[in-house]
Amino acid sequence: MEDSQANFDAIPIGLELGPVEVTLDEETVGDRVRLVQWQTTEPVDDLHVAPPGITISQHSRMKFEAIPAMRVSIWAKSEHEFLKPMKLGSKVTIRGRVTEKYIKRDRRYAVTELETVDENGEVLMRSRETGVYVE
């Protein structure tokens, strides 16, 4: 338990997550549409946009890569701000950082903030996620 606390304490505020680049090709978008069981594919087929939040699944992977001692992150809270649609066929980049850490009811929490930007650097989505840190 002491090692776990020491590892948690060693996570610096400002620790960078990513960047991760995702190409929103037809296969990637189609897989997500099937996973979330969209009732209609009109936004993809007619408007050529990806489902909102298509990149959220990358967030936990980014945390695990940046914090190797962390084995599990239980999602406690998340907030997502969708600013612009993610276009089919585009490349997006996700960057994030650890912004806060705290202990509440004997559980260790890490807060991360992430942004997804398009090829022009325009912010498409902002996320703030709180997870319970577990080794």
C-alpha atoms as a PDB file:
ATOM      1  CA  MET A   1       0.000   0.000   0.000  1.00  0.00           C
ATOM      2  CA  GLU A   2       2.896   2.349   0.774  1.00  0.00           C
ATOM      3  CA  ASP A   3       4.383   1.778  -2.691  1.00  0.00           C
ATOM      4  CA  SER A   4       1.018   2.551  -4.256  1.00  0.00           C
ATOM      5  CA  GLN A   5       0.798   5.840  -2.341  1.00  0.00           C
ATOM      6  CA  ALA A   6       4.385   6.685  -3.289  1.00  0.00           C
ATOM      7  CA  ASN A   7       3.627   6.000  -6.961  1.00  0.00           C
ATOM      8  CA  PHE A   8       0.521   8.191  -6.774  1.00  0.00           C
ATOM      9  CA  ASP A   9       2.468  10.964  -5.047  1.00  0.00           C
ATOM     10  CA  ALA A  10       5.104  10.775  -7.791  1.00  0.00           C
ATOM     11  CA  ILE A  11       2.612  11.646 -10.550  1.00  0.00           C
ATOM     12  CA  PRO A  12       3.414  15.267 -11.350  1.00  0.00           C
ATOM     13  CA  ILE A  13       0.691  17.815 -11.903  1.00  0.00           C
ATOM     14  CA  GLY A  14       1.117  18.833 -15.517  1.00  0.00           C
ATOM     15  CA  LEU A  15       2.205  15.350 -16.654  1.00  0.00           C
ATOM     16  CA  GLU A  16       1.513  15.265 -20.381  1.00  0.00           C
ATOM     17  CA  LEU A  17      -0.686  12.605 -21.962  1.00  0.00           C
ATOM     18  CA  GLY A  18      -0.160  11.892 -25.632  1.00  0.00           C
ATOM     19  CA  PRO A  19      -0.226  13.181 -28.217  1.00  0.00           C
ATOM     20  CA  VAL A  20      -2.205  10.515 -30.026  1.00  0.00           C
ATOM     21  CA  GLU A  21      -3.221  10.897 -33.652  1.00  0.00           C
ATOM     22  CA  VAL A  22      -6.385   9.210 -34.902  1.00  0.00           C
ATOM     23  CA  THR A  23      -7.431   8.939 -38.536  1.00  0.00           C
ATOM     24  CA  LEU A  24     -11.211   8.979 -38.780  1.00  0.00           C
ATOM     25  CA  ASP A  25     -11.403   6.621 -41.739  1.00  0.00           C
ATOM     26  CA  GLU A  26     -14.518   4.667 -42.668  1.00  0.00           C
ATOM     27  CA  GLU A  27     -13.410   1.538 -40.777  1.00  0.00           C
ATOM     28  CA  THR A  28     -12.640   3.392 -37.519  1.00  0.00           C
ATOM     29  CA  VAL A  29     -15.875   5.371 -37.653  1.00  0.00           C
ATOM     30  CA  GLY A  30     -17.910   2.311 -38.690  1.00  0.00           C
ATOM     31  CA  ASP A  31     -16.527   0.302 -35.760  1.00  0.00           C
ATOM     32  CA  ARG A  32     -17.576   3.062 -33.341  1.00  0.00           C
ATOM     33  CA  VAL A  33     -21.048   3.369 -34.875  1.00  0.00           C
ATOM     34  CA  ARG A  34     -21.569  -0.369 -34.354  1.00  0.00           C
ATOM     35  CA  LEU A  35     -20.116  -0.267 -30.828  1.00  0.00           C
ATOM     36  CA  VAL A  36     -22.451   2.494 -29.623  1.00  0.00           C
ATOM     37  CA  GLN A  37     -25.340   0.978 -31.606  1.00  0.00           C
ATOM     38  CA  TRP A  38     -26.421   4.176 -33.313  1.00  0.00           C
ATOM     39  CA  GLN A  39     -30.020   3.846 -34.469  1.00  0.00           C
ATOM     40  CA  THR A  40     -29.261   5.674 -37.713  1.00  0.00           C
ATOM     41  CA  THR A  41     -26.082   6.175 -39.700  1.00  0.00           C
ATOM     42  CA  GLU A  42     -27.365   9.356 -41.350  1.00  0.00           C
ATOM     43  CA  PRO A  43     -24.748  11.645 -39.724  1.00  0.00           C
ATOM     44  CA  VAL A  44     -21.956   9.467 -41.096  1.00  0.00           C
ATOM     45  CA  ASP A  45     -23.534   8.628 -44.456  1.00  0.00           C
ATOM     46  CA  ASP A  46     -25.067  11.994 -45.359  1.00  0.00           C
ATOM     47  CA  LEU A  47     -23.148  14.560 -43.285  1.00  0.00           C
ATOM     48  CA  HIS A  48     -19.775  12.748 -43.268  1.00  0.00           C
ATOM     49  CA  VAL A  49     -19.159  13.307 -39.556  1.00  0.00           C
ATOM     50  CA  ALA A  50     -18.004  10.881 -36.890  1.00  0.00           C
ATOM     51  CA  PRO A  51     -20.036  10.106 -33.771  1.00  0.00           C
ATOM     52  CA  PRO A  52     -19.464  12.638 -30.986  1.00  0.00           C
ATOM     53  CA  GLY A  53     -16.919  11.320 -28.548  1.00  0.00           C
ATOM     54  CA  ILE A  54     -15.355   8.868 -30.985  1.00  0.00           C
ATOM     55  CA  THR A  55     -11.923   9.652 -29.510  1.00  0.00           C
ATOM     56  CA  ILE A  56     -12.885   9.265 -25.826  1.00  0.00           C
ATOM     57  CA  SER A  57     -11.769   5.625 -25.821  1.00  0.00           C
ATOM     58  CA  GLN A  58      -8.205   6.856 -26.387  1.00  0.00           C
ATOM     59  CA  HIS A  59      -8.170   8.811 -23.115  1.00  0.00           C
ATOM     60  CA  SER A  60      -7.666   5.831 -20.803  1.00  0.00           C
ATOM     61  CA  ARG A  61      -4.955   4.418 -23.069  1.00  0.00           C
ATOM     62  CA  MET A  62      -3.137   7.732 -22.860  1.00  0.00           C
ATOM     63  CA  LYS A  63      -3.299   7.631 -19.046  1.00  0.00           C
ATOM     64  CA  PHE A  64      -1.957   4.074 -18.889  1.00  0.00           C
ATOM     65  CA  GLU A  65       0.943   4.953 -21.205  1.00  0.00           C
ATOM     66  CA  ALA A  66       1.872   8.053 -19.184  1.00  0.00           C
ATOM     67  CA  ILE A  67       1.450   6.372 -15.765  1.00  0.00           C
ATOM     68  CA  PRO A  68       2.799   2.810 -16.097  1.00  0.00           C
ATOM     69  CA  ALA A  69       2.241   1.922 -12.409  1.00  0.00           C
ATOM     70  CA  MET A  70      -1.501   2.528 -12.805  1.00  0.00           C
ATOM     71  CA  ARG A  71      -3.241  -0.759 -13.574  1.00  0.00           C
ATOM     72  CA  VAL A  72      -6.857   0.388 -13.384  1.00  0.00           C
ATOM     73  CA  SER A  73      -8.576   3.749 -13.577  1.00  0.00           C
ATOM     74  CA  ILE A  74     -12.177   3.637 -12.467  1.00  0.00           C
ATOM     75  CA  TRP A  75     -14.101   6.407 -14.185  1.00  0.00           C
ATOM     76  CA  ALA A  76     -15.615   8.537 -11.436  1.00  0.00           C
ATOM     77  CA  LYS A  77     -16.705  11.582 -13.425  1.00  0.00           C
ATOM     78  CA  SER A  78     -16.363  12.997 -16.909  1.00  0.00           C
ATOM     79  CA  GLU A  79     -17.347  16.177 -18.672  1.00  0.00           C
ATOM     80  CA  HIS A  80     -17.083  16.604 -22.426  1.00  0.00           C
ATOM     81  CA  GLU A  81     -17.605  19.739 -24.465  1.00  0.00           C
ATOM     82  CA  PHE A  82     -18.259  19.069 -28.145  1.00  0.00           C
ATOM     83  CA  LEU A  83     -17.334  22.228 -30.069  1.00  0.00           C
ATOM     84  CA  LYS A  84     -17.241  21.136 -33.717  1.00  0.00           C
ATOM     85  CA  PRO A  85     -18.024  17.918 -35.586  1.00  0.00           C
ATOM     86  CA  MET A  86     -15.205  15.515 -36.384  1.00  0.00           C
ATOM     87  CA  LYS A  87     -15.196  14.986 -40.126  1.00  0.00           C
ATOM     88  CA  LEU A  88     -14.989  11.578 -41.738  1.00  0.00           C
ATOM     89  CA  GLY A  89     -11.592  11.127 -43.385  1.00  0.00           C
ATOM     90  CA  SER A  90      -9.802  13.696 -41.215  1.00  0.00           C
ATOM     91  CA  LYS A  91      -6.941  13.245 -38.764  1.00  0.00           C
ATOM     92  CA  VAL A  92      -7.354  14.464 -35.220  1.00  0.00           C
ATOM     93  CA  THR A  93      -4.806  14.783 -32.441  1.00  0.00           C
ATOM     94  CA  ILE A  94      -5.531  14.304 -28.739  1.00  0.00           C
ATOM     95  CA  ARG A  95      -3.357  15.911 -26.085  1.00  0.00           C
ATOM     96  CA  GLY A  96      -3.880  16.031 -22.370  1.00  0.00           C
ATOM     97  CA  ARG A  97      -2.337  16.496 -18.969  1.00  0.00           C
ATOM     98  CA  VAL A  98      -2.870  15.651 -15.330  1.00  0.00           C
ATOM     99  CA  THR A  99      -4.333  18.767 -13.712  1.00  0.00           C
ATOM    100  CA  GLU A 100      -5.193  17.672 -10.198  1.00  0.00           C
ATOM    101  CA  LYS A 101      -4.780  14.853  -7.660  1.00  0.00           C
ATOM    102  CA  TYR A 102      -6.550  14.320  -4.363  1.00  0.00           C
ATOM    103  CA  ILE A 103      -7.573  11.722  -1.809  1.00  0.00           C
ATOM    104  CA  LYS A 104     -11.191  11.370  -0.728  1.00  0.00           C
ATOM    105  CA  ARG A 105     -12.594   8.578   1.456  1.00  0.00           C
ATOM    106  CA  ASP A 106      -9.276   6.721   1.268  1.00  0.00           C
ATOM    107  CA  ARG A 107      -9.346   6.668  -2.547  1.00  0.00           C
ATOM    108  CA  ARG A 108      -6.799   8.369  -4.777  1.00  0.00           C
ATOM    109  CA  TYR A 109      -8.190  10.457  -7.635  1.00  0.00           C
ATOM    110  CA  ALA A 110      -6.421  11.863 -10.683  1.00  0.00           C
ATOM    111  CA  VAL A 111      -8.029  14.551 -12.831  1.00  0.00           C
ATOM    112  CA  THR A 112      -7.045  14.944 -16.467  1.00  0.00           C
ATOM    113  CA  GLU A 113      -7.954  17.509 -19.097  1.00  0.00           C
ATOM    114  CA  LEU A 114      -7.754  16.605 -22.762  1.00  0.00           C
ATOM    115  CA  GLU A 115      -8.304  18.371 -26.073  1.00  0.00           C
ATOM    116  CA  THR A 116      -8.970  16.923 -29.494  1.00  0.00           C
ATOM    117  CA  VAL A 117      -7.910  19.165 -32.378  1.00  0.00           C
ATOM    118  CA  ASP A 118      -8.209  18.866 -36.146  1.00  0.00           C
ATOM    119  CA  GLU A 119      -5.431  19.161 -38.734  1.00  0.00           C
ATOM    120  CA  ASN A 120      -5.692  22.957 -38.591  1.00  0.00           C
ATOM    121  CA  GLY A 121      -5.300  23.040 -34.810  1.00  0.00           C
ATOM    122  CA  GLU A 122      -8.943  23.932 -34.182  1.00  0.00           C
ATOM    123  CA  VAL A 123     -10.314  22.493 -30.952  1.00  0.00           C
ATOM    124  CA  LEU A 124     -13.117  20.004 -31.662  1.00  0.00           C
ATOM    125  CA  MET A 125     -13.652  18.604 -28.165  1.00  0.00           C
ATOM    126  CA  ARG A 126     -12.528  19.301 -24.595  1.00  0.00           C
ATOM    127  CA  SER A 127     -12.725  16.736 -21.830  1.00  0.00           C
ATOM    128  CA  ARG A 128     -12.201  16.754 -18.076  1.00  0.00           C
ATOM    129  CA  GLU A 129     -12.104  13.315 -16.495  1.00  0.00           C
ATOM    130  CA  THR A 130     -11.720  12.155 -12.908  1.00  0.00           C
ATOM    131  CA  GLY A 131     -10.610   8.617 -12.275  1.00  0.00           C
ATOM    132  CA  VAL A 132      -9.860   6.540  -9.211  1.00  0.00           C
ATOM    133  CA  TYR A 133      -6.191   5.551  -9.348  1.00  0.00           C
ATOM    134  CA  VAL A 134      -5.649   1.845  -8.665  1.00  0.00           C
ATOM    135  CA  GLU A 135      -2.476  -0.266  -8.846  1.00  0.00           C
END
